[in-house]
Amino acid sequence: MDDSVSMAQLVHRLEGVVRELRGIPVDVERVDDDALVRQHIAQVVPAAGELRALHPLGAVEKGSEEHRSRRNVLDALERGMTMRTVVHANVMDDSRKAARIRQLHAAGDLHRVVDEPIQQLLIFDRAVAFLRMTPFAYAPGTLVIRQQSVLTALIDLFERTWANARDVDEPTHTLSAREREVLALIAQGRSNGAVASALSITEAAVGKHVASVFAKLELPENPDDNRRVLAVLAYLRGTAR
């Protein structure tokens, strides 16, 4: 599949496949009932040995529901399931979600982070995938896919996304979205004034963001070190894959 094909374009193509093949036996099914989707997933999990997942948002469960969801993941890991999960960078801005992700990562559900938009997707082994049909997380409408040719394309998409993602424990994940924007522009060689112009903010605001970046990346002022260069190197370690 061409690297330029986005997840939204892929979903559009799959919807077309479903329409064109309606009435013809094919292993792509649209399910609009979320409860039924959860039932399908629950039936697949016990026998699955591998899970690949893309999540645009972190878990939204609260209280006992969140605890049960986390316990289910840990139980699956204990029985030998391998898990890899890619989440959107915005998830790491939520301290509770970030803490949960790091706990699961340490337990064996390996996580990576991307800045680009992603679609909600679960792939169990090479047998079945659950793909949201809209670009909005947790929106109704899921494609349950067992068609091998489509599964191969989705697995390829996941693997390329995983390879280009950055590790969840990179220090740049402590930065806010605005601070990441500032650092990305600095990495392009821009001055504070040029960064301010690009983001339509004041140069003083850029200076505050830069100071916050230095603090979060634990880069103390040192006459022997250029903190601006060190911050860029940390950024590049987190994004250059």
Protein backbone atom coordinates (compact mmCIF):
# COMPACT_ATOMS: atom_id res chain seq x y z
CA MET A 1 0.00 0.00 0.00
CA ASP A 2 1.32 3.46 -0.91
CA ASP A 3 2.70 5.42 2.09
CA SER A 4 0.56 8.38 0.99
CA VAL A 5 -2.68 6.48 1.67
CA SER A 6 -4.15 7.87 4.88
CA MET A 7 -6.31 5.95 7.31
CA ALA A 8 -9.34 8.06 6.32
CA GLN A 9 -8.78 7.19 2.65
CA LEU A 10 -8.47 3.53 3.56
CA VAL A 11 -11.75 3.62 5.49
CA HIS A 12 -13.43 5.29 2.50
CA ARG A 13 -12.16 2.53 0.22
CA LEU A 14 -13.36 -0.16 2.62
CA GLU A 15 -16.80 1.41 2.79
CA GLY A 16 -16.89 1.27 -1.00
CA VAL A 17 -15.91 -2.39 -0.92
CA VAL A 18 -18.74 -3.13 1.49
CA ARG A 19 -21.26 -1.34 -0.77
CA GLU A 20 -20.03 -2.97 -3.97
CA LEU A 21 -19.95 -6.47 -2.51
CA ARG A 22 -23.27 -6.29 -0.69
CA GLY A 23 -24.99 -9.63 -1.19
CA ILE A 24 -21.76 -11.36 -2.24
CA PRO A 25 -19.97 -13.52 0.37
CA VAL A 26 -17.09 -11.44 1.73
CA ASP A 27 -15.38 -11.30 5.11
CA VAL A 28 -16.00 -7.59 5.77
CA GLU A 29 -18.99 -6.75 7.94
CA ARG A 30 -20.30 -3.41 9.15
CA VAL A 31 -21.51 -3.36 12.77
CA ASP A 32 -23.16 -0.20 14.10
CA ASP A 33 -24.05 -1.50 17.58
CA ASP A 34 -21.13 -0.85 19.95
CA ALA A 35 -22.36 -3.48 22.40
CA LEU A 36 -22.26 -6.06 19.61
CA VAL A 37 -18.75 -4.95 18.63
CA ARG A 38 -17.62 -5.47 22.23
CA GLN A 39 -19.17 -8.96 22.16
CA HIS A 40 -17.25 -9.79 18.98
CA ILE A 41 -14.01 -8.59 20.57
CA ALA A 42 -14.68 -10.53 23.78
CA GLN A 43 -15.12 -13.70 21.71
CA VAL A 44 -11.80 -13.19 19.91
CA VAL A 45 -9.59 -12.23 22.88
CA PRO A 46 -9.36 -15.61 24.72
CA ALA A 47 -7.79 -17.41 21.74
CA ALA A 48 -5.71 -14.50 20.40
CA GLY A 49 -1.93 -14.55 20.70
CA GLU A 50 -1.13 -11.09 19.33
CA LEU A 51 -2.77 -7.66 19.31
CA ARG A 52 -1.83 -4.64 17.24
CA ALA A 53 -3.74 -1.48 18.16
CA LEU A 54 -4.06 2.14 17.08
CA HIS A 55 -5.81 4.50 19.50
CA PRO A 56 -6.47 8.19 18.74
CA LEU A 57 -7.47 8.68 22.39
CA GLY A 58 -6.64 6.98 25.66
CA ALA A 59 -9.07 4.96 27.71
CA VAL A 60 -12.23 6.83 28.69
CA GLU A 61 -13.40 4.36 31.34
CA LYS A 62 -13.76 5.54 34.91
CA GLY A 63 -13.64 3.86 38.30
CA SER A 64 -14.37 0.14 38.36
CA GLU A 65 -14.75 0.05 34.56
CA GLU A 66 -11.22 1.39 34.09
CA HIS A 67 -9.85 -1.04 36.67
CA ARG A 68 -11.58 -3.97 34.94
CA SER A 69 -10.26 -2.90 31.54
CA ARG A 70 -6.72 -2.61 32.88
CA ARG A 71 -7.03 -5.98 34.63
CA ASN A 72 -8.17 -7.60 31.37
CA VAL A 73 -5.09 -6.29 29.58
CA LEU A 74 -2.77 -7.49 32.36
CA ASP A 75 -4.46 -10.91 32.42
CA ALA A 76 -4.01 -11.25 28.64
CA LEU A 77 -0.33 -10.36 28.98
CA GLU A 78 0.11 -12.90 31.77
CA ARG A 79 -1.30 -15.70 29.63
CA GLY A 80 1.17 -14.83 26.87
CA MET A 81 -0.53 -12.41 24.46
CA THR A 82 1.87 -9.98 22.83
CA MET A 83 0.58 -6.43 22.48
CA ARG A 84 1.77 -3.33 20.65
CA THR A 85 -0.21 -0.11 20.80
CA VAL A 86 0.22 3.23 19.02
CA VAL A 87 -1.47 6.25 20.61
CA HIS A 88 -1.78 9.88 19.54
CA ALA A 89 0.53 12.37 21.27
CA ASN A 90 -2.44 14.26 22.76
CA VAL A 91 -3.04 11.29 25.04
CA MET A 92 0.24 11.99 26.83
CA ASP A 93 -1.02 15.47 27.78
CA ASP A 94 -3.50 13.82 30.17
CA SER A 95 -1.55 12.79 33.29
CA ARG A 96 -3.95 9.96 34.23
CA LYS A 97 -3.96 8.47 30.74
CA ALA A 98 -0.19 8.87 30.47
CA ALA A 99 0.28 7.08 33.82
CA ARG A 100 -1.96 4.21 32.68
CA ILE A 101 -0.07 3.92 29.39
CA ARG A 102 3.29 3.81 31.13
CA GLN A 103 2.02 1.14 33.55
CA LEU A 104 0.78 -1.04 30.70
CA HIS A 105 3.98 -0.38 28.73
CA ALA A 106 6.07 -1.57 31.69
CA ALA A 107 3.85 -4.65 32.00
CA GLY A 108 4.45 -5.64 28.37
CA ASP A 109 1.79 -3.84 26.31
CA LEU A 110 4.41 -1.91 24.35
CA HIS A 111 3.35 1.61 23.41
CA ARG A 112 4.61 4.17 20.92
CA VAL A 113 3.38 7.68 20.14
CA VAL A 114 2.64 9.56 16.91
CA ASP A 115 1.69 13.16 16.16
CA GLU A 116 -0.23 12.36 12.95
CA PRO A 117 -3.99 11.56 13.06
CA ILE A 118 -4.77 7.86 13.44
CA GLN A 119 -7.94 5.79 13.30
CA GLN A 120 -9.11 3.44 16.02
CA LEU A 121 -8.01 -0.05 14.99
CA LEU A 122 -7.56 -3.47 16.64
CA ILE A 123 -5.93 -6.39 14.81
CA PHE A 124 -5.96 -9.80 16.49
CA ASP A 125 -3.31 -12.15 15.11
CA ARG A 126 -3.75 -12.20 11.34
CA ALA A 127 -7.33 -13.31 11.72
CA VAL A 128 -9.64 -10.36 12.37
CA ALA A 129 -9.52 -6.56 12.59
CA PHE A 130 -11.95 -4.03 14.07
CA LEU A 131 -11.73 -0.65 12.33
CA ARG A 132 -13.80 2.44 13.15
CA MET A 133 -15.48 3.79 10.03
CA THR A 134 -15.31 7.47 11.02
CA PRO A 135 -12.29 9.63 11.94
CA PHE A 136 -13.73 10.17 15.41
CA ALA A 137 -12.70 7.92 18.27
CA TYR A 138 -15.50 5.85 19.82
CA ALA A 139 -17.99 6.97 17.15
CA PRO A 140 -20.52 4.31 16.07
CA GLY A 141 -19.83 2.17 13.05
CA THR A 142 -17.13 -0.50 12.95
CA LEU A 143 -15.87 -2.73 10.18
CA VAL A 144 -15.19 -6.30 11.32
CA ILE A 145 -12.65 -7.55 8.80
CA ARG A 146 -11.58 -11.13 8.15
CA GLN A 147 -10.76 -10.67 4.46
CA GLN A 148 -7.10 -11.68 4.20
CA SER A 149 -6.13 -9.16 1.53
CA VAL A 150 -7.54 -6.27 3.59
CA LEU A 151 -5.99 -7.64 6.80
CA THR A 152 -2.60 -7.72 5.10
CA ALA A 153 -2.97 -4.05 4.11
CA LEU A 154 -4.01 -3.05 7.65
CA ILE A 155 -1.11 -4.97 9.20
CA ASP A 156 1.27 -3.26 6.78
CA LEU A 157 -0.20 0.13 7.74
CA PHE A 158 0.23 -0.66 11.44
CA GLU A 159 3.83 -1.82 11.02
CA ARG A 160 4.80 1.32 9.12
CA THR A 161 3.06 3.50 11.71
CA TRP A 162 4.84 1.62 14.51
CA ALA A 163 8.23 1.96 12.82
CA ASN A 164 7.78 5.74 12.43
CA ALA A 165 6.43 6.29 15.97
CA ARG A 166 8.56 7.30 18.94
CA ASP A 167 9.01 5.47 22.24
CA VAL A 168 6.53 6.28 24.97
CA ASP A 169 9.28 6.96 27.51
CA GLU A 170 10.94 9.70 25.46
CA PRO A 171 11.29 12.83 27.66
CA THR A 172 9.62 14.99 25.00
CA HIS A 173 6.28 13.42 25.98
CA THR A 174 6.25 15.66 29.05
CA LEU A 175 5.95 18.68 26.77
CA SER A 176 2.65 20.35 25.97
CA ALA A 177 1.35 20.44 22.39
CA ARG A 178 2.45 24.10 22.04
CA GLU A 179 5.90 23.34 23.46
CA ARG A 180 6.31 20.53 20.92
CA GLU A 181 5.35 22.98 18.14
CA VAL A 182 7.95 25.47 19.37
CA LEU A 183 10.64 22.79 19.62
CA ALA A 184 9.82 21.41 16.16
CA LEU A 185 10.34 24.89 14.66
CA ILE A 186 13.57 25.38 16.60
CA ALA A 187 14.72 22.03 15.18
CA GLN A 188 14.25 23.59 11.73
CA GLY A 189 16.84 26.21 12.68
CA ARG A 190 14.41 29.08 13.38
CA SER A 191 15.09 31.88 15.83
CA ASN A 192 12.64 32.81 18.59
CA GLY A 193 11.41 35.67 16.42
CA ALA A 194 10.79 33.35 13.47
CA VAL A 195 9.01 30.85 15.73
CA ALA A 196 6.81 33.65 17.08
CA SER A 197 5.91 34.73 13.55
CA ALA A 198 5.11 31.16 12.46
CA LEU A 199 2.83 30.53 15.45
CA SER A 200 1.32 34.05 15.59
CA ILE A 201 2.41 34.56 19.19
CA THR A 202 4.78 37.05 20.83
CA GLU A 203 8.49 36.49 21.06
CA ALA A 204 8.16 36.76 24.85
CA ALA A 205 5.69 33.85 24.79
CA VAL A 206 8.17 31.82 22.76
CA GLY A 207 10.83 32.56 25.37
CA LYS A 208 8.54 31.25 28.12
CA HIS A 209 7.82 28.08 26.14
CA VAL A 210 11.54 27.55 25.53
CA ALA A 211 12.30 28.00 29.24
CA SER A 212 9.58 25.47 30.07
CA VAL A 213 11.05 23.01 27.55
CA PHE A 214 14.47 23.33 29.20
CA ALA A 215 12.95 22.72 32.63
CA LYS A 216 10.87 19.69 31.57
CA LEU A 217 13.79 18.13 29.73
CA GLU A 218 15.97 18.79 32.79
CA LEU A 219 18.51 20.90 30.92
CA PRO A 220 20.06 23.21 33.55
CA GLU A 221 22.00 26.28 32.49
CA ASN A 222 25.61 25.30 31.97
CA PRO A 223 28.35 27.35 30.28
CA ASP A 224 29.69 24.17 28.67
CA ASP A 225 26.36 23.15 27.08
CA ASN A 226 24.03 24.72 24.54
CA ARG A 227 20.58 23.94 25.92
CA ARG A 228 18.89 24.85 22.65
CA VAL A 229 20.95 22.22 20.80
CA LEU A 230 20.40 19.62 23.53
CA ALA A 231 16.63 20.22 23.40
CA VAL A 232 16.66 19.76 19.62
CA LEU A 233 18.64 16.52 19.99
CA ALA A 234 16.04 15.24 22.47
CA TYR A 235 13.32 16.16 20.00
CA LEU A 236 15.08 14.37 17.15
CA ARG A 237 15.63 11.25 19.23
CA GLY A 238 11.90 11.19 19.85
CA THR A 239 10.76 11.80 16.27
CA ALA A 240 13.43 10.56 13.87
CA ARG A 241 12.58 6.92 13.23
